[in-house]
Structure formats: C-alpha cells, structure tokens
Amino acid sequence: MGHADLANSEELRTARLSLRRPTPADIDAIHRVHSDPRACAHNPGDALASRTEAEQLYQRWDGHWHRNGFGYWTVRGHVPSDQPLGFCGIKLMELHGLTILNLFYRLDPSAWGNRIATEAATAVVDWATTHLPDRPLVARVRPDNTASLKVAVRAGLRRAPHLDTAGEDGLDWIFTSNWPDNADPARDPRA
C-alpha cells in the first residue's frame, strides 16, 4: 500500500476523540507526558528529561510518518483544549524476525480512568486492520501494568505468551492480532 492509499490517515475520529498526526505544536505536550514519572512508570527508558529530547522524539515520529504514511497520533477530546490527552499509534518494528506494527498508547495521567486509552487504541487497531491487514499488530506490555493489559485486550488483541520477549525495561508480555500461524518465534531469523 502506497502513501497515497494512506492519505486519509492523518486524522481518526471516535465518539469522544480526535487523533491527529502530531505537529511541532505538540512538542510541549510530548515533553509534558513523557517527563511525567507516572506516565512512564512501567517504561522508565521512555522518560524524557528535556524539551530538546521531546523535539528529537517528535522528529523520529514525524520521520516515521514521512517514510510510511502512518505513525503515532496526538489524542484530543472533541472539545478543543490547549492540552492534548496523550498519544496513541503504531510504528513498524521487528519482533521475532517479522516486521510488525507496534501499538503504542501513553496518556497524561489526568486522562486516566475514563477509557480514553481504550477508545484511542481501538481506533488505531481498527485503522490498522483496515489499511494494513497483512501486518501483525502487537502491543508490548509490562506484566505489572494492569491498566495497559486491559487496554490491549479491550482493543481486540489476544495474549500470546509464546511471543513474550525481553524489552528495554523488562519482560514484555505480547498481545497480538493477525500473527501468522506459520511464524515460529523460536527460529533465528539470521540462520
């Protein structure tokens, strides 16, 4: 699927939310959310220490959009506010020798508890299932992050313990959709 086929991917809408491709105006929100210790408690390696790091993260996200025609979206309520609620989306990465879509969601703690993450993640999963149906979709979740575990399941992903792997900040429990039956995670892709 070419970038032209993904042209309408820059905004997703749900009953309560608008997910839009990030712009430089979102850098302060990227910094605010990713420097909050509560938001990064289960992924401390993702914590940002400065606005410069937020600018660099935005550049990586924007580069993914330019290369692939999709990526992470900024999550806002339909009622405009100065502060985005957080971020949710997908990026290409490698897992067990396959190129997969990694589902990401991180919200400002002030938005927790309202199923906003579930609504945003479900919109992204639905979008990916429609537009990139041949790519496995994966959420990597720390076992003690019960809220994130619930979001993955509510968004339609299934627990796949045979795919669990070591992540940057500890064990990743894998939840997936569309994982190929013939893909053996024990095989060495370099062999």
Protein backbone atom coordinates (compact mmCIF):
# COMPACT_ATOMS: atom_id res chain seq x y z
CA MET A 1 0.00 0.00 0.00
CA GLY A 2 1.48 3.33 -1.02
CA HIS A 3 1.42 6.63 0.81
CA ALA A 4 -1.39 7.86 -1.47
CA ASP A 5 -3.56 5.00 -0.20
CA LEU A 6 -2.92 6.16 3.37
CA ALA A 7 -3.65 9.83 2.65
CA ASN A 8 -6.67 9.90 4.96
CA SER A 9 -4.72 8.50 7.89
CA GLU A 10 -3.71 11.83 9.37
CA GLU A 11 -6.92 12.06 11.44
CA LEU A 12 -9.03 9.39 13.13
CA ARG A 13 -12.26 10.22 14.94
CA THR A 14 -14.16 8.31 17.60
CA ALA A 15 -17.23 9.15 19.65
CA ARG A 16 -15.19 11.32 22.05
CA LEU A 17 -11.77 11.72 20.47
CA SER A 18 -9.85 13.16 17.60
CA LEU A 19 -6.50 11.53 16.80
CA ARG A 20 -4.32 13.69 14.55
CA ARG A 21 -0.83 13.44 13.18
CA PRO A 22 1.48 15.31 15.55
CA THR A 23 2.80 18.73 14.59
CA PRO A 24 5.60 20.84 16.09
CA ALA A 25 2.89 22.48 18.24
CA ASP A 26 2.64 19.13 20.10
CA ILE A 27 6.27 19.12 21.28
CA ASP A 28 5.41 20.68 24.64
CA ALA A 29 2.72 18.02 25.20
CA ILE A 30 5.17 15.28 24.19
CA HIS A 31 7.55 16.66 26.81
CA ARG A 32 4.83 17.05 29.46
CA VAL A 33 3.50 13.50 29.09
CA HIS A 34 6.86 11.76 28.61
CA SER A 35 8.52 13.57 31.52
CA ASP A 36 5.75 12.64 33.97
CA PRO A 37 7.11 9.78 36.11
CA ARG A 38 3.60 8.32 36.46
CA ALA A 39 3.14 8.12 32.66
CA CYS A 40 6.49 6.36 32.22
CA ALA A 41 6.44 4.29 35.43
CA HIS A 42 6.37 0.97 33.54
CA ASN A 43 8.70 2.18 30.78
CA PRO A 44 11.29 4.38 32.51
CA GLY A 45 13.52 4.18 29.44
CA ASP A 46 10.91 6.30 27.60
CA ALA A 47 11.09 9.16 30.12
CA LEU A 48 12.28 12.47 28.73
CA ALA A 49 14.46 14.86 30.71
CA SER A 50 14.27 17.94 28.48
CA ARG A 51 12.30 19.72 25.80
CA THR A 52 15.21 19.02 23.43
CA GLU A 53 14.59 15.29 23.89
CA ALA A 54 10.88 15.90 23.15
CA GLU A 55 11.87 17.70 19.93
CA GLN A 56 14.05 14.73 18.96
CA LEU A 57 11.22 12.30 19.72
CA TYR A 58 8.83 14.39 17.62
CA GLN A 59 11.37 14.29 14.75
CA ARG A 60 11.52 10.48 14.95
CA TRP A 61 7.72 10.27 14.94
CA ASP A 62 7.49 12.70 12.01
CA GLY A 63 10.16 10.76 10.12
CA HIS A 64 8.11 7.57 10.52
CA TRP A 65 5.08 9.40 9.10
CA HIS A 66 7.12 10.63 6.11
CA ARG A 67 8.54 7.18 5.38
CA ASN A 68 5.38 5.13 5.94
CA GLY A 69 2.28 7.34 5.75
CA PHE A 70 1.21 6.48 9.33
CA GLY A 71 2.56 6.56 12.86
CA TYR A 72 1.61 7.97 16.25
CA TRP A 73 -1.35 10.33 16.61
CA THR A 74 -1.95 13.10 19.15
CA VAL A 75 -5.11 12.30 21.13
CA ARG A 76 -7.54 15.14 21.90
CA GLY A 77 -11.13 15.35 23.01
CA HIS A 78 -13.64 16.73 20.50
CA VAL A 79 -13.98 19.80 22.68
CA PRO A 80 -10.79 21.66 21.82
CA SER A 81 -8.41 22.28 24.68
CA ASP A 82 -4.89 23.58 24.96
CA GLN A 83 -3.62 20.24 26.23
CA PRO A 84 -3.64 17.01 24.25
CA LEU A 85 -4.70 13.99 26.30
CA GLY A 86 -1.74 11.93 25.10
CA PHE A 87 -0.55 9.86 22.17
CA CYS A 88 -1.53 6.60 20.51
CA GLY A 89 -0.50 4.93 17.29
CA ILE A 90 1.58 2.32 15.53
CA LYS A 91 5.12 2.09 14.26
CA LEU A 92 6.99 -0.51 12.27
CA MET A 93 9.48 -2.59 14.21
CA GLU A 94 10.97 -6.07 14.25
CA LEU A 95 9.78 -8.84 16.56
CA HIS A 96 10.87 -12.47 16.26
CA GLY A 97 12.14 -11.89 12.73
CA LEU A 98 8.94 -10.26 11.44
CA THR A 99 8.19 -6.65 10.66
CA ILE A 100 5.21 -5.83 12.82
CA LEU A 101 3.06 -2.86 13.80
CA ASN A 102 3.80 -1.95 17.40
CA LEU A 103 0.79 -0.41 19.15
CA PHE A 104 1.68 2.45 21.50
CA TYR A 105 -0.51 4.41 23.90
CA ARG A 106 0.58 6.86 26.56
CA LEU A 107 -1.79 9.34 28.15
CA ASP A 108 -1.42 12.22 30.53
CA PRO A 109 -2.32 10.84 33.98
CA SER A 110 -5.11 13.44 34.20
CA ALA A 111 -6.86 11.48 31.39
CA TRP A 112 -6.58 8.08 33.10
CA GLY A 113 -9.63 6.14 34.21
CA ASN A 114 -12.05 7.26 31.51
CA ARG A 115 -11.30 4.53 28.93
CA ILE A 116 -9.73 7.14 26.68
CA ALA A 117 -6.74 4.87 26.07
CA THR A 118 -9.09 2.03 25.13
CA GLU A 119 -11.05 4.25 22.75
CA ALA A 120 -7.90 5.59 21.10
CA ALA A 121 -6.21 2.17 20.89
CA THR A 122 -9.36 0.58 19.44
CA ALA A 123 -9.50 3.29 16.74
CA VAL A 124 -5.85 2.63 15.87
CA VAL A 125 -6.34 -1.16 15.81
CA ASP A 126 -9.41 -0.75 13.58
CA TRP A 127 -7.46 1.58 11.27
CA ALA A 128 -4.50 -0.83 11.06
CA THR A 129 -6.78 -3.83 10.44
CA THR A 130 -8.42 -1.99 7.55
CA HIS A 131 -5.36 -0.31 5.99
CA LEU A 132 -2.51 -2.70 6.81
CA PRO A 133 -4.26 -6.10 7.12
CA ASP A 134 -1.19 -8.16 6.24
CA ARG A 135 0.94 -6.82 9.11
CA PRO A 136 0.85 -8.45 12.53
CA LEU A 137 -0.20 -5.92 15.19
CA VAL A 138 1.41 -6.19 18.61
CA ALA A 139 1.18 -4.46 21.98
CA ARG A 140 4.15 -5.00 24.27
CA VAL A 141 3.08 -4.60 27.90
CA ARG A 142 4.90 -4.99 31.23
CA PRO A 143 3.22 -7.76 33.28
CA ASP A 144 2.54 -5.44 36.25
CA ASN A 145 0.94 -2.71 34.13
CA THR A 146 -2.63 -3.88 34.70
CA ALA A 147 -4.24 -0.81 33.10
CA SER A 148 -2.27 -1.29 29.87
CA LEU A 149 -3.03 -5.02 29.86
CA LYS A 150 -6.75 -4.19 29.96
CA VAL A 151 -6.42 -1.65 27.14
CA ALA A 152 -4.72 -4.20 24.87
CA VAL A 153 -7.50 -6.75 25.43
CA ARG A 154 -10.31 -4.21 25.10
CA ALA A 155 -8.76 -3.00 21.83
CA GLY A 156 -9.14 -6.53 20.44
CA LEU A 157 -5.67 -8.02 20.92
CA ARG A 158 -5.09 -11.50 22.31
CA ARG A 159 -2.46 -12.56 24.81
CA ALA A 160 0.33 -14.54 23.08
CA PRO A 161 2.67 -15.81 25.82
CA HIS A 162 4.76 -17.81 23.32
CA LEU A 163 5.87 -14.43 21.87
CA ASP A 164 6.93 -12.80 25.18
CA THR A 165 10.34 -11.21 24.94
CA ALA A 166 12.83 -9.13 26.88
CA GLY A 167 12.20 -5.42 26.36
CA GLU A 168 14.28 -2.37 27.19
CA ASP A 169 12.69 -2.01 30.63
CA GLY A 170 11.95 -5.65 31.46
CA LEU A 171 9.84 -8.53 30.24
CA ASP A 172 7.31 -7.65 27.52
CA TRP A 173 4.08 -9.60 27.55
CA ILE A 174 2.87 -9.75 23.97
CA PHE A 175 -0.70 -9.17 22.84
CA THR A 176 -1.36 -9.59 19.14
CA SER A 177 -3.74 -9.54 16.26
CA ASN A 178 -3.03 -11.16 12.91
CA TRP A 179 0.13 -13.03 13.97
CA PRO A 180 0.89 -15.55 11.18
CA ASP A 181 0.27 -19.15 12.22
CA ASN A 182 3.43 -20.29 10.46
CA ALA A 183 5.74 -17.80 12.20
CA ASP A 184 7.89 -19.64 14.73
CA PRO A 185 9.20 -17.21 17.34
CA ALA A 186 11.94 -19.66 18.34
CA ARG A 187 13.59 -19.55 14.92
CA ASP A 188 16.66 -17.42 14.44
CA PRO A 189 15.96 -15.04 11.54
CA ARG A 190 19.69 -14.77 10.85
CA ALA A 191 20.08 -18.52 10.25
